[in-house]
PDB file of all heavy atoms in Angstrom:
ATOM      1  N   ALA A   1      -8.627  -0.761  -5.274  1.00  0.00           N
ATOM      2  CA  ALA A   1     -10.033  -1.147  -5.094  1.00  0.00           C
ATOM      3  C   ALA A   1     -10.388  -2.504  -5.702  1.00  0.00           C
ATOM      4  O   ALA A   1     -11.105  -3.292  -5.068  1.00  0.00           O
ATOM      5  CB  ALA A   1     -10.934  -0.050  -5.642  1.00  0.00           C
ATOM      6  N   PRO A   2      -9.930  -2.846  -6.921  1.00  0.00           N
ATOM      7  CA  PRO A   2     -10.273  -4.171  -7.448  1.00  0.00           C
ATOM      8  C   PRO A   2      -9.724  -5.327  -6.615  1.00  0.00           C
ATOM      9  O   PRO A   2     -10.221  -6.455  -6.729  1.00  0.00           O
ATOM     10  CB  PRO A   2      -9.643  -4.147  -8.848  1.00  0.00           C
ATOM     11  CG  PRO A   2      -9.575  -2.700  -9.219  1.00  0.00           C
ATOM     12  CD  PRO A   2      -9.264  -2.001  -7.932  1.00  0.00           C
ATOM     13  N   TYR A   3      -8.695  -5.074  -5.796  1.00  0.00           N
ATOM     14  CA  TYR A   3      -8.146  -6.125  -4.939  1.00  0.00           C
ATOM     15  C   TYR A   3      -8.928  -6.276  -3.637  1.00  0.00           C
ATOM     16  O   TYR A   3      -8.884  -7.321  -2.994  1.00  0.00           O
ATOM     17  CB  TYR A   3      -6.682  -5.843  -4.596  1.00  0.00           C
ATOM     18  CG  TYR A   3      -5.711  -6.050  -5.729  1.00  0.00           C
ATOM     19  CD1 TYR A   3      -4.457  -5.439  -5.700  1.00  0.00           C
ATOM     20  CD2 TYR A   3      -6.018  -6.834  -6.834  1.00  0.00           C
ATOM     21  CE1 TYR A   3      -3.535  -5.621  -6.731  1.00  0.00           C
ATOM     22  CE2 TYR A   3      -5.123  -7.017  -7.874  1.00  0.00           C
ATOM     23  CZ  TYR A   3      -3.875  -6.401  -7.807  1.00  0.00           C
ATOM     24  OH  TYR A   3      -2.970  -6.584  -8.825  1.00  0.00           O
ATOM     25  N   GLY A   4      -9.600  -5.204  -3.187  1.00  0.00           N
ATOM     26  CA  GLY A   4     -10.340  -5.290  -1.940  1.00  0.00           C
ATOM     27  C   GLY A   4     -10.190  -4.040  -1.107  1.00  0.00           C
ATOM     28  O   GLY A   4      -9.997  -2.942  -1.630  1.00  0.00           O
ATOM     29  N   THR A   5     -10.248  -4.236   0.194  1.00  0.00           N
ATOM     30  CA  THR A   5     -10.252  -3.115   1.122  1.00  0.00           C
ATOM     31  C   THR A   5      -9.182  -3.298   2.191  1.00  0.00           C
ATOM     32  O   THR A   5      -8.593  -4.381   2.334  1.00  0.00           O
ATOM     33  CB  THR A   5     -11.617  -3.004   1.822  1.00  0.00           C
ATOM     34  OG1 THR A   5     -11.804  -4.179   2.642  1.00  0.00           O
ATOM     35  CG2 THR A   5     -12.742  -2.901   0.814  1.00  0.00           C
ATOM     36  N   LEU A   6      -8.965  -2.251   2.951  1.00  0.00           N
ATOM     37  CA  LEU A   6      -8.051  -2.328   4.081  1.00  0.00           C
ATOM     38  C   LEU A   6      -8.542  -3.369   5.083  1.00  0.00           C
ATOM     39  O   LEU A   6      -7.735  -4.103   5.689  1.00  0.00           O
ATOM     40  CB  LEU A   6      -7.932  -0.957   4.741  1.00  0.00           C
ATOM     41  CG  LEU A   6      -6.843  -0.766   5.789  1.00  0.00           C
ATOM     42  CD1 LEU A   6      -5.464  -1.051   5.224  1.00  0.00           C
ATOM     43  CD2 LEU A   6      -6.900   0.666   6.346  1.00  0.00           C
ATOM     44  N   GLU A   7      -9.845  -3.469   5.245  1.00  0.00           N
ATOM     45  CA  GLU A   7     -10.411  -4.472   6.160  1.00  0.00           C
ATOM     46  C   GLU A   7     -10.118  -5.887   5.680  1.00  0.00           C
ATOM     47  O   GLU A   7      -9.883  -6.795   6.495  1.00  0.00           O
ATOM     48  CB  GLU A   7     -11.925  -4.265   6.294  1.00  0.00           C
ATOM     49  CG  GLU A   7     -12.336  -3.016   7.057  1.00  0.00           C
ATOM     50  CD  GLU A   7     -12.083  -1.725   6.300  1.00  0.00           C
ATOM     51  OE1 GLU A   7     -12.067  -1.765   5.039  1.00  0.00           O
ATOM     52  OE2 GLU A   7     -11.899  -0.669   6.961  1.00  0.00           O
ATOM     53  N   ASP A   8     -10.102  -6.094   4.365  1.00  0.00           N
ATOM     54  CA  ASP A   8      -9.740  -7.410   3.827  1.00  0.00           C
ATOM     55  C   ASP A   8      -8.302  -7.771   4.189  1.00  0.00           C
ATOM     56  O   ASP A   8      -8.008  -8.922   4.531  1.00  0.00           O
ATOM     57  CB  ASP A   8      -9.899  -7.419   2.307  1.00  0.00           C
ATOM     58  CG  ASP A   8     -11.342  -7.356   1.850  1.00  0.00           C
ATOM     59  OD1 ASP A   8     -12.232  -7.785   2.611  1.00  0.00           O
ATOM     60  OD2 ASP A   8     -11.590  -6.849   0.731  1.00  0.00           O
ATOM     61  N   VAL A   9      -7.414  -6.787   4.103  1.00  0.00           N
ATOM     62  CA  VAL A   9      -6.012  -7.033   4.444  1.00  0.00           C
ATOM     63  C   VAL A   9      -5.875  -7.364   5.926  1.00  0.00           C
ATOM     64  O   VAL A   9      -5.124  -8.274   6.306  1.00  0.00           O
ATOM     65  CB  VAL A   9      -5.137  -5.823   4.074  1.00  0.00           C
ATOM     66  CG1 VAL A   9      -3.682  -6.085   4.460  1.00  0.00           C
ATOM     67  CG2 VAL A   9      -5.238  -5.511   2.587  1.00  0.00           C
ATOM     68  N   GLU A  10      -6.602  -6.644   6.758  1.00  0.00           N
ATOM     69  CA  GLU A  10      -6.557  -6.929   8.191  1.00  0.00           C
ATOM     70  C   GLU A  10      -7.091  -8.328   8.480  1.00  0.00           C
ATOM     71  O   GLU A  10      -6.552  -9.058   9.329  1.00  0.00           O
ATOM     72  CB  GLU A  10      -7.359  -5.867   8.948  1.00  0.00           C
ATOM     73  CG  GLU A  10      -6.708  -4.486   8.897  1.00  0.00           C
ATOM     74  CD  GLU A  10      -7.598  -3.385   9.441  1.00  0.00           C
ATOM     75  OE1 GLU A  10      -8.831  -3.587   9.478  1.00  0.00           O
ATOM     76  OE2 GLU A  10      -7.063  -2.323   9.819  1.00  0.00           O
ATOM     77  N   GLU A  11      -8.148  -8.741   7.775  1.00  0.00           N
ATOM     78  CA  GLU A  11      -8.677 -10.093   7.951  1.00  0.00           C
ATOM     79  C   GLU A  11      -7.654 -11.136   7.490  1.00  0.00           C
ATOM     80  O   GLU A  11      -7.463 -12.167   8.153  1.00  0.00           O
ATOM     81  CB  GLU A  11      -9.977 -10.264   7.166  1.00  0.00           C
ATOM     82  CG  GLU A  11     -10.590 -11.642   7.322  1.00  0.00           C
ATOM     83  CD  GLU A  11     -11.891 -11.801   6.554  1.00  0.00           C
ATOM     84  OE1 GLU A  11     -12.521 -10.774   6.207  1.00  0.00           O
ATOM     85  OE2 GLU A  11     -12.284 -12.960   6.289  1.00  0.00           O
ATOM     86  N   LEU A  12      -6.998 -10.877   6.380  1.00  0.00           N
ATOM     87  CA  LEU A  12      -5.980 -11.792   5.885  1.00  0.00           C
ATOM     88  C   LEU A  12      -4.844 -11.934   6.886  1.00  0.00           C
ATOM     89  O   LEU A  12      -4.404 -13.057   7.188  1.00  0.00           O
ATOM     90  CB  LEU A  12      -5.444 -11.291   4.538  1.00  0.00           C
ATOM     91  CG  LEU A  12      -4.218 -12.020   3.971  1.00  0.00           C
ATOM     92  CD1 LEU A  12      -4.514 -13.501   3.752  1.00  0.00           C
ATOM     93  CD2 LEU A  12      -3.762 -11.364   2.675  1.00  0.00           C
ATOM     94  N   THR A  13      -4.366 -10.823   7.399  1.00  0.00           N
ATOM     95  CA  THR A  13      -3.270 -10.863   8.373  1.00  0.00           C
ATOM     96  C   THR A  13      -3.671 -11.662   9.604  1.00  0.00           C
ATOM     97  O   THR A  13      -2.907 -12.510  10.093  1.00  0.00           O
ATOM     98  CB  THR A  13      -2.867  -9.433   8.772  1.00  0.00           C
ATOM     99  OG1 THR A  13      -2.491  -8.705   7.598  1.00  0.00           O
ATOM    100  CG2 THR A  13      -1.705  -9.438   9.742  1.00  0.00           C
ATOM    101  N   GLY A  14      -4.881 -11.425  10.105  1.00  0.00           N
ATOM    102  CA  GLY A  14      -5.358 -12.166  11.268  1.00  0.00           C
ATOM    103  C   GLY A  14      -5.510 -13.646  10.992  1.00  0.00           C
ATOM    104  O   GLY A  14      -5.174 -14.492  11.840  1.00  0.00           O
ATOM    105  N   ALA A  15      -6.003 -13.996   9.796  1.00  0.00           N
ATOM    106  CA  ALA A  15      -6.185 -15.402   9.443  1.00  0.00           C
ATOM    107  C   ALA A  15      -4.845 -16.116   9.310  1.00  0.00           C
ATOM    108  O   ALA A  15      -4.711 -17.290   9.672  1.00  0.00           O
ATOM    109  CB  ALA A  15      -6.982 -15.511   8.143  1.00  0.00           C
ATOM    110  N   LEU A  16      -3.836 -15.427   8.788  1.00  0.00           N
ATOM    111  CA  LEU A  16      -2.499 -16.010   8.723  1.00  0.00           C
ATOM    112  C   LEU A  16      -1.946 -16.242  10.121  1.00  0.00           C
ATOM    113  O   LEU A  16      -1.436 -17.329  10.434  1.00  0.00           O
ATOM    114  CB  LEU A  16      -1.565 -15.093   7.931  1.00  0.00           C
ATOM    115  CG  LEU A  16      -1.737 -15.082   6.421  1.00  0.00           C
ATOM    116  CD1 LEU A  16      -0.986 -13.903   5.796  1.00  0.00           C
ATOM    117  CD2 LEU A  16      -1.234 -16.400   5.807  1.00  0.00           C
ATOM    118  N   HIS A  17      -2.047 -15.247  10.972  1.00  0.00           N
ATOM    119  CA  HIS A  17      -1.532 -15.375  12.332  1.00  0.00           C
ATOM    120  C   HIS A  17      -2.243 -16.490  13.083  1.00  0.00           C
ATOM    121  O   HIS A  17      -1.622 -17.218  13.877  1.00  0.00           O
ATOM    122  CB  HIS A  17      -1.673 -14.051  13.072  1.00  0.00           C
ATOM    123  CG  HIS A  17      -0.744 -12.991  12.565  1.00  0.00           C
ATOM    124  ND1 HIS A  17      -0.888 -11.654  12.895  1.00  0.00           N
ATOM    125  CD2 HIS A  17       0.336 -13.055  11.743  1.00  0.00           C
ATOM    126  CE1 HIS A  17       0.070 -10.954  12.305  1.00  0.00           C
ATOM    127  NE2 HIS A  17       0.818 -11.782  11.597  1.00  0.00           N
ATOM    128  N   ALA A  18      -3.540 -16.664  12.852  1.00  0.00           N
ATOM    129  CA  ALA A  18      -4.288 -17.734  13.518  1.00  0.00           C
ATOM    130  C   ALA A  18      -3.783 -19.115  13.121  1.00  0.00           C
ATOM    131  O   ALA A  18      -3.930 -20.084  13.874  1.00  0.00           O
ATOM    132  CB  ALA A  18      -5.782 -17.605  13.193  1.00  0.00           C
ATOM    133  N   ARG A  19      -3.182 -19.214  11.950  1.00  0.00           N
ATOM    134  CA  ARG A  19      -2.615 -20.471  11.478  1.00  0.00           C
ATOM    135  C   ARG A  19      -1.127 -20.581  11.793  1.00  0.00           C
ATOM    136  O   ARG A  19      -0.459 -21.489  11.297  1.00  0.00           O
ATOM    137  CB  ARG A  19      -2.841 -20.609   9.965  1.00  0.00           C
ATOM    138  CG  ARG A  19      -4.291 -20.830   9.569  1.00  0.00           C
ATOM    139  CD  ARG A  19      -4.479 -20.688   8.060  1.00  0.00           C
ATOM    140  NE  ARG A  19      -5.809 -21.093   7.623  1.00  0.00           N
ATOM    141  CZ  ARG A  19      -6.894 -20.325   7.698  1.00  0.00           C
ATOM    142  NH1 ARG A  19      -6.805 -19.100   8.211  1.00  0.00           N
ATOM    143  NH2 ARG A  19      -8.064 -20.781   7.275  1.00  0.00           N
ATOM    144  N   GLY A  20      -0.601 -19.624  12.534  1.00  0.00           N
ATOM    145  CA  GLY A  20       0.816 -19.651  12.860  1.00  0.00           C
ATOM    146  C   GLY A  20       1.706 -19.209  11.720  1.00  0.00           C
ATOM    147  O   GLY A  20       2.899 -19.534  11.688  1.00  0.00           O
ATOM    148  N   MET A  21       1.146 -18.433  10.795  1.00  0.00           N
ATOM    149  CA  MET A  21       1.880 -17.977   9.622  1.00  0.00           C
ATOM    150  C   MET A  21       2.090 -16.467   9.704  1.00  0.00           C
ATOM    151  O   MET A  21       1.433 -15.766  10.480  1.00  0.00           O
ATOM    152  CB  MET A  21       1.121 -18.367   8.346  1.00  0.00           C
ATOM    153  CG  MET A  21       0.911 -19.872   8.201  1.00  0.00           C
ATOM    154  SD  MET A  21      -0.327 -20.313   6.947  1.00  0.00           S
ATOM    155  CE  MET A  21       0.573 -19.940   5.441  1.00  0.00           C
ATOM    156  N   LYS A  22       3.000 -15.958   8.889  1.00  0.00           N
ATOM    157  CA  LYS A  22       3.363 -14.546   8.898  1.00  0.00           C
ATOM    158  C   LYS A  22       2.866 -13.850   7.636  1.00  0.00           C
ATOM    159  O   LYS A  22       2.607 -14.487   6.613  1.00  0.00           O
ATOM    160  CB  LYS A  22       4.881 -14.397   8.983  1.00  0.00           C
ATOM    161  CG  LYS A  22       5.529 -15.099  10.182  1.00  0.00           C
ATOM    162  CD  LYS A  22       5.266 -14.390  11.487  1.00  0.00           C
ATOM    163  CE  LYS A  22       6.094 -14.998  12.610  1.00  0.00           C
ATOM    164  NZ  LYS A  22       5.850 -14.338  13.906  1.00  0.00           N
ATOM    165  N   MET A  23       2.806 -12.523   7.732  1.00  0.00           N
ATOM    166  CA  MET A  23       2.358 -11.685   6.621  1.00  0.00           C
ATOM    167  C   MET A  23       3.493 -10.751   6.199  1.00  0.00           C
ATOM    168  O   MET A  23       4.037 -10.008   7.020  1.00  0.00           O
ATOM    169  CB  MET A  23       1.142 -10.857   7.068  1.00  0.00           C
ATOM    170  CG  MET A  23       0.706  -9.801   6.084  1.00  0.00           C
ATOM    171  SD  MET A  23      -0.106 -10.481   4.636  1.00  0.00           S
ATOM    172  CE  MET A  23      -0.921  -9.007   3.998  1.00  0.00           C
ATOM    173  N   VAL A  24       3.848 -10.804   4.926  1.00  0.00           N
ATOM    174  CA  VAL A  24       4.917  -9.976   4.368  1.00  0.00           C
ATOM    175  C   VAL A  24       4.337  -9.143   3.228  1.00  0.00           C
ATOM    176  O   VAL A  24       3.628  -9.669   2.365  1.00  0.00           O
ATOM    177  CB  VAL A  24       6.080 -10.834   3.845  1.00  0.00           C
ATOM    178  CG1 VAL A  24       7.194  -9.964   3.265  1.00  0.00           C
ATOM    179  CG2 VAL A  24       6.635 -11.723   4.970  1.00  0.00           C
ATOM    180  N   MET A  25       4.629  -7.848   3.239  1.00  0.00           N
ATOM    181  CA  MET A  25       4.135  -6.969   2.184  1.00  0.00           C
ATOM    182  C   MET A  25       5.284  -6.415   1.363  1.00  0.00           C
ATOM    183  O   MET A  25       6.425  -6.323   1.837  1.00  0.00           O
ATOM    184  CB  MET A  25       3.322  -5.816   2.774  1.00  0.00           C
ATOM    185  CG  MET A  25       1.997  -6.252   3.367  1.00  0.00           C
ATOM    186  SD  MET A  25       0.963  -4.876   3.925  1.00  0.00           S
ATOM    187  CE  MET A  25       0.483  -4.147   2.360  1.00  0.00           C
ATOM    188  N   ASP A  26       4.976  -6.062   0.135  1.00  0.00           N
ATOM    189  CA  ASP A  26       5.939  -5.391  -0.734  1.00  0.00           C
ATOM    190  C   ASP A  26       6.001  -3.918  -0.345  1.00  0.00           C
ATOM    191  O   ASP A  26       4.964  -3.288  -0.097  1.00  0.00           O
ATOM    192  CB  ASP A  26       5.510  -5.514  -2.198  1.00  0.00           C
ATOM    193  CG  ASP A  26       6.630  -6.008  -3.093  1.00  0.00           C
ATOM    194  OD1 ASP A  26       7.710  -5.394  -3.059  1.00  0.00           O
ATOM    195  OD2 ASP A  26       6.429  -7.004  -3.808  1.00  0.00           O
ATOM    196  N   LEU A  27       7.217  -3.380  -0.278  1.00  0.00           N
ATOM    197  CA  LEU A  27       7.408  -1.962  -0.005  1.00  0.00           C
ATOM    198  C   LEU A  27       8.166  -1.364  -1.186  1.00  0.00           C
ATOM    199  O   LEU A  27       9.303  -1.746  -1.450  1.00  0.00           O
ATOM    200  CB  LEU A  27       8.194  -1.766   1.292  1.00  0.00           C
ATOM    201  CG  LEU A  27       8.341  -0.327   1.784  1.00  0.00           C
ATOM    202  CD1 LEU A  27       7.003   0.198   2.298  1.00  0.00           C
ATOM    203  CD2 LEU A  27       9.395  -0.222   2.884  1.00  0.00           C
ATOM    204  N   VAL A  28       7.528  -0.452  -1.898  1.00  0.00           N
ATOM    205  CA  VAL A  28       8.087   0.118  -3.127  1.00  0.00           C
ATOM    206  C   VAL A  28       8.324   1.600  -2.871  1.00  0.00           C
ATOM    207  O   VAL A  28       7.412   2.419  -3.003  1.00  0.00           O
ATOM    208  CB  VAL A  28       7.145  -0.082  -4.325  1.00  0.00           C
ATOM    209  CG1 VAL A  28       7.826   0.349  -5.617  1.00  0.00           C
ATOM    210  CG2 VAL A  28       6.682  -1.526  -4.407  1.00  0.00           C
ATOM    211  N   VAL A  29       9.550   1.958  -2.492  1.00  0.00           N
ATOM    212  CA  VAL A  29       9.810   3.333  -2.087  1.00  0.00           C
ATOM    213  C   VAL A  29      11.009   3.951  -2.808  1.00  0.00           C
ATOM    214  O   VAL A  29      11.449   5.042  -2.438  1.00  0.00           O
ATOM    215  CB  VAL A  29      10.001   3.432  -0.552  1.00  0.00           C
ATOM    216  CG1 VAL A  29       8.678   3.203   0.157  1.00  0.00           C
ATOM    217  CG2 VAL A  29      11.054   2.452  -0.050  1.00  0.00           C
ATOM    218  N   ASN A  30      11.538   3.289  -3.824  1.00  0.00           N
ATOM    219  CA  ASN A  30      12.477   3.991  -4.698  1.00  0.00           C
ATOM    220  C   ASN A  30      11.721   4.996  -5.559  1.00  0.00           C
ATOM    221  O   ASN A  30      12.240   6.047  -5.908  1.00  0.00           O
ATOM    222  CB  ASN A  30      13.220   3.004  -5.601  1.00  0.00           C
ATOM    223  CG  ASN A  30      14.075   3.711  -6.636  1.00  0.00           C
ATOM    224  OD1 ASN A  30      15.083   4.319  -6.308  1.00  0.00           O
ATOM    225  ND2 ASN A  30      13.641   3.680  -7.905  1.00  0.00           N
ATOM    226  N   HIS A  31      10.488   4.638  -5.888  1.00  0.00           N
ATOM    227  CA  HIS A  31       9.661   5.481  -6.759  1.00  0.00           C
ATOM    228  C   HIS A  31       8.209   5.340  -6.339  1.00  0.00           C
ATOM    229  O   HIS A  31       7.833   4.427  -5.604  1.00  0.00           O
ATOM    230  CB  HIS A  31       9.828   5.064  -8.227  1.00  0.00           C
ATOM    231  CG  HIS A  31       9.684   3.585  -8.428  1.00  0.00           C
ATOM    232  ND1 HIS A  31      10.773   2.736  -8.466  1.00  0.00           N
ATOM    233  CD2 HIS A  31       8.599   2.785  -8.583  1.00  0.00           C
ATOM    234  CE1 HIS A  31      10.366   1.487  -8.645  1.00  0.00           C
ATOM    235  NE2 HIS A  31       9.047   1.498  -8.714  1.00  0.00           N
ATOM    236  N   SER A  32       7.392   6.243  -6.809  1.00  0.00           N
ATOM    237  CA  SER A  32       5.947   6.166  -6.617  1.00  0.00           C
ATOM    238  C   SER A  32       5.285   6.220  -7.994  1.00  0.00           C
ATOM    239  O   SER A  32       5.964   6.229  -9.024  1.00  0.00           O
ATOM    240  CB  SER A  32       5.451   7.320  -5.741  1.00  0.00           C
ATOM    241  OG  SER A  32       5.426   8.539  -6.479  1.00  0.00           O
ATOM    242  N   SER A  33       3.983   6.284  -7.995  1.00  0.00           N
ATOM    243  CA  SER A  33       3.254   6.572  -9.230  1.00  0.00           C
ATOM    244  C   SER A  33       3.273   8.078  -9.504  1.00  0.00           C
ATOM    245  O   SER A  33       3.350   8.890  -8.580  1.00  0.00           O
ATOM    246  CB  SER A  33       1.807   6.108  -9.108  1.00  0.00           C
ATOM    247  OG  SER A  33       1.002   6.653 -10.150  1.00  0.00           O
ATOM    248  N   ASP A  34       3.182   8.442 -10.774  1.00  0.00           N
ATOM    249  CA  ASP A  34       3.049   9.870 -11.086  1.00  0.00           C
ATOM    250  C   ASP A  34       1.663  10.391 -10.713  1.00  0.00           C
ATOM    251  O   ASP A  34       1.407  11.602 -10.779  1.00  0.00           O
ATOM    252  CB  ASP A  34       3.362  10.137 -12.559  1.00  0.00           C
ATOM    253  CG  ASP A  34       2.365   9.503 -13.515  1.00  0.00           C
ATOM    254  OD1 ASP A  34       1.584   8.607 -13.090  1.00  0.00           O
ATOM    255  OD2 ASP A  34       2.360   9.874 -14.699  1.00  0.00           O
ATOM    256  N   GLN A  35       0.769   9.482 -10.305  1.00  0.00           N
ATOM    257  CA  GLN A  35      -0.560   9.895  -9.849  1.00  0.00           C
ATOM    258  C   GLN A  35      -0.616  10.094  -8.335  1.00  0.00           C
ATOM    259  O   GLN A  35      -1.672  10.448  -7.798  1.00  0.00           O
ATOM    260  CB  GLN A  35      -1.606   8.856 -10.270  1.00  0.00           C
ATOM    261  CG  GLN A  35      -1.727   8.691 -11.777  1.00  0.00           C
ATOM    262  CD  GLN A  35      -2.011  10.006 -12.479  1.00  0.00           C
ATOM    263  OE1 GLN A  35      -2.983  10.683 -12.157  1.00  0.00           O
ATOM    264  NE2 GLN A  35      -1.163  10.368 -13.435  1.00  0.00           N
ATOM    265  N   HIS A  36       0.488   9.831  -7.650  1.00  0.00           N
ATOM    266  CA  HIS A  36       0.521  10.068  -6.209  1.00  0.00           C
ATOM    267  C   HIS A  36       0.375  11.567  -5.944  1.00  0.00           C
ATOM    268  O   HIS A  36       0.890  12.399  -6.695  1.00  0.00           O
ATOM    269  CB  HIS A  36       1.827   9.550  -5.621  1.00  0.00           C
ATOM    270  CG  HIS A  36       1.780   9.345  -4.136  1.00  0.00           C
ATOM    271  ND1 HIS A  36       1.645  10.378  -3.235  1.00  0.00           N
ATOM    272  CD2 HIS A  36       1.836   8.212  -3.388  1.00  0.00           C
ATOM    273  CE1 HIS A  36       1.613   9.901  -2.004  1.00  0.00           C
ATOM    274  NE2 HIS A  36       1.732   8.582  -2.063  1.00  0.00           N
ATOM    275  N   ALA A  37      -0.313  11.894  -4.862  1.00  0.00           N
ATOM    276  CA  ALA A  37      -0.507  13.303  -4.515  1.00  0.00           C
ATOM    277  C   ALA A  37       0.816  14.032  -4.343  1.00  0.00           C
ATOM    278  O   ALA A  37       0.922  15.224  -4.669  1.00  0.00           O
ATOM    279  CB  ALA A  37      -1.340  13.409  -3.230  1.00  0.00           C
ATOM    280  N   TRP A  38       1.839  13.331  -3.841  1.00  0.00           N
ATOM    281  CA  TRP A  38       3.146  13.976  -3.689  1.00  0.00           C
ATOM    282  C   TRP A  38       3.680  14.474  -5.025  1.00  0.00           C
ATOM    283  O   TRP A  38       4.185  15.585  -5.132  1.00  0.00           O
ATOM    284  CB  TRP A  38       4.166  13.004  -3.107  1.00  0.00           C
ATOM    285  CG  TRP A  38       3.808  12.383  -1.798  1.00  0.00           C
ATOM    286  CD1 TRP A  38       2.912  12.828  -0.878  1.00  0.00           C
ATOM    287  CD2 TRP A  38       4.365  11.175  -1.275  1.00  0.00           C
ATOM    288  NE1 TRP A  38       2.874  11.988   0.196  1.00  0.00           N
ATOM    289  CE2 TRP A  38       3.751  10.968  -0.007  1.00  0.00           C
ATOM    290  CE3 TRP A  38       5.318  10.266  -1.715  1.00  0.00           C
ATOM    291  CZ2 TRP A  38       4.069   9.864   0.791  1.00  0.00           C
ATOM    292  CZ3 TRP A  38       5.640   9.175  -0.923  1.00  0.00           C
ATOM    293  CH2 TRP A  38       5.012   8.984   0.320  1.00  0.00           C
ATOM    294  N   PHE A  39       3.580  13.601  -6.048  1.00  0.00           N
ATOM    295  CA  PHE A  39       4.155  13.983  -7.341  1.00  0.00           C
ATOM    296  C   PHE A  39       3.304  15.049  -8.023  1.00  0.00           C
ATOM    297  O   PHE A  39       3.839  15.930  -8.709  1.00  0.00           O
ATOM    298  CB  PHE A  39       4.317  12.771  -8.248  1.00  0.00           C
ATOM    299  CG  PHE A  39       5.081  13.084  -9.507  1.00  0.00           C
ATOM    300  CD1 PHE A  39       6.447  13.318  -9.460  1.00  0.00           C
ATOM    301  CD2 PHE A  39       4.437  13.180 -10.737  1.00  0.00           C
ATOM    302  CE1 PHE A  39       7.161  13.637 -10.613  1.00  0.00           C
ATOM    303  CE2 PHE A  39       5.147  13.496 -11.889  1.00  0.00           C
ATOM    304  CZ  PHE A  39       6.508  13.719 -11.826  1.00  0.00           C
ATOM    305  N   ARG A  40       2.013  14.970  -7.845  1.00  0.00           N
ATOM    306  CA  ARG A  40       1.163  16.001  -8.434  1.00  0.00           C
ATOM    307  C   ARG A  40       1.539  17.384  -7.902  1.00  0.00           C
ATOM    308  O   ARG A  40       1.566  18.363  -8.650  1.00  0.00           O
ATOM    309  CB  ARG A  40      -0.308  15.689  -8.145  1.00  0.00           C
ATOM    310  CG  ARG A  40      -0.848  14.501  -8.930  1.00  0.00           C
ATOM    311  CD  ARG A  40      -2.301  14.240  -8.582  1.00  0.00           C
ATOM    312  NE  ARG A  40      -2.870  13.178  -9.411  1.00  0.00           N
ATOM    313  CZ  ARG A  40      -4.096  12.690  -9.267  1.00  0.00           C
ATOM    314  NH1 ARG A  40      -4.888  13.182  -8.321  1.00  0.00           N
ATOM    315  NH2 ARG A  40      -4.528  11.725 -10.060  1.00  0.00           N
ATOM    316  N   GLU A  41       1.834  17.431  -6.614  1.00  0.00           N
ATOM    317  CA  GLU A  41       2.281  18.698  -6.046  1.00  0.00           C
ATOM    318  C   GLU A  41       3.664  19.069  -6.564  1.00  0.00           C
ATOM    319  O   GLU A  41       3.919  20.209  -6.950  1.00  0.00           O
ATOM    320  CB  GLU A  41       2.308  18.598  -4.521  1.00  0.00           C
ATOM    321  CG  GLU A  41       0.943  18.552  -3.872  1.00  0.00           C
ATOM    322  CD  GLU A  41       1.043  18.699  -2.367  1.00  0.00           C
ATOM    323  OE1 GLU A  41       1.693  19.646  -1.903  1.00  0.00           O
ATOM    324  OE2 GLU A  41       0.464  17.842  -1.646  1.00  0.00           O
ATOM    325  N   SER A  42       4.550  18.093  -6.576  1.00  0.00           N
ATOM    326  CA  SER A  42       5.939  18.357  -6.952  1.00  0.00           C
ATOM    327  C   SER A  42       6.048  18.862  -8.390  1.00  0.00           C
ATOM    328  O   SER A  42       6.849  19.755  -8.684  1.00  0.00           O
ATOM    329  CB  SER A  42       6.775  17.087  -6.764  1.00  0.00           C
ATOM    330  OG  SER A  42       8.141  17.335  -6.947  1.00  0.00           O
ATOM    331  N   ARG A  43       5.253  18.308  -9.277  1.00  0.00           N
ATOM    332  CA  ARG A  43       5.362  18.686 -10.688  1.00  0.00           C
ATOM    333  C   ARG A  43       4.681  20.010 -10.978  1.00  0.00           C
ATOM    334  O   ARG A  43       4.898  20.603 -12.039  1.00  0.00           O
ATOM    335  CB  ARG A  43       4.771  17.582 -11.566  1.00  0.00           C
ATOM    336  CG  ARG A  43       3.255  17.571 -11.639  1.00  0.00           C
ATOM    337  CD  ARG A  43       2.641  16.351 -12.275  1.00  0.00           C
ATOM    338  NE  ARG A  43       3.292  15.901 -13.479  1.00  0.00           N
ATOM    339  CZ  ARG A  43       2.972  14.781 -14.132  1.00  0.00           C
ATOM    340  NH1 ARG A  43       1.985  14.009 -13.671  1.00  0.00           N
ATOM    341  NH2 ARG A  43       3.604  14.436 -15.218  1.00  0.00           N
ATOM    342  N   SER A  44       3.836  20.492 -10.050  1.00  0.00           N
ATOM    343  CA  SER A  44       3.025  21.671 -10.335  1.00  0.00           C
ATOM    344  C   SER A  44       3.859  22.934 -10.466  1.00  0.00           C
ATOM    345  O   SER A  44       3.581  23.785 -11.310  1.00  0.00           O
ATOM    346  CB  SER A  44       1.959  21.857  -9.252  1.00  0.00           C
ATOM    347  OG  SER A  44       2.563  22.130  -7.992  1.00  0.00           O
ATOM    348  N   SER A  45       4.894  23.075  -9.623  1.00  0.00           N
ATOM    349  CA  SER A  45       5.734  24.268  -9.712  1.00  0.00           C
ATOM    350  C   SER A  45       6.972  24.093  -8.841  1.00  0.00           C
ATOM    351  O   SER A  45       6.983  23.286  -7.902  1.00  0.00           O
ATOM    352  CB  SER A  45       4.965  25.521  -9.256  1.00  0.00           C
ATOM    353  OG  SER A  45       4.831  25.531  -7.845  1.00  0.00           O
ATOM    354  N   LYS A  46       7.986  24.878  -9.132  1.00  0.00           N
ATOM    355  CA  LYS A  46       9.208  24.846  -8.335  1.00  0.00           C
ATOM    356  C   LYS A  46       9.004  25.463  -6.949  1.00  0.00           C
ATOM    357  O   LYS A  46       9.829  25.268  -6.059  1.00  0.00           O
ATOM    358  CB  LYS A  46      10.326  25.592  -9.060  1.00  0.00           C
ATOM    359  CG  LYS A  46      10.725  24.967 -10.381  1.00  0.00           C
ATOM    360  CD  LYS A  46      11.796  25.792 -11.082  1.00  0.00           C
ATOM    361  CE  LYS A  46      12.115  25.223 -12.449  1.00  0.00           C
ATOM    362  NZ  LYS A  46      13.146  26.028 -13.166  1.00  0.00           N
ATOM    363  N   GLY A  47       7.909  26.174  -6.768  1.00  0.00           N
ATOM    364  CA  GLY A  47       7.650  26.800  -5.481  1.00  0.00           C
ATOM    365  C   GLY A  47       6.802  25.958  -4.553  1.00  0.00           C
ATOM    366  O   GLY A  47       6.554  26.367  -3.413  1.00  0.00           O
TER     367      GLY A  47
END
């Protein structure tokens, strides 16, 4: 939230493309946050 919104990202991507530039994002998938809903479920129980 302090960085902005999904709409801001879409505007940024469009503005880059309008200038003939590309948009590259970081993908962090070796790990997540322990606050991710997946981990909250995973840590809750073995079942």
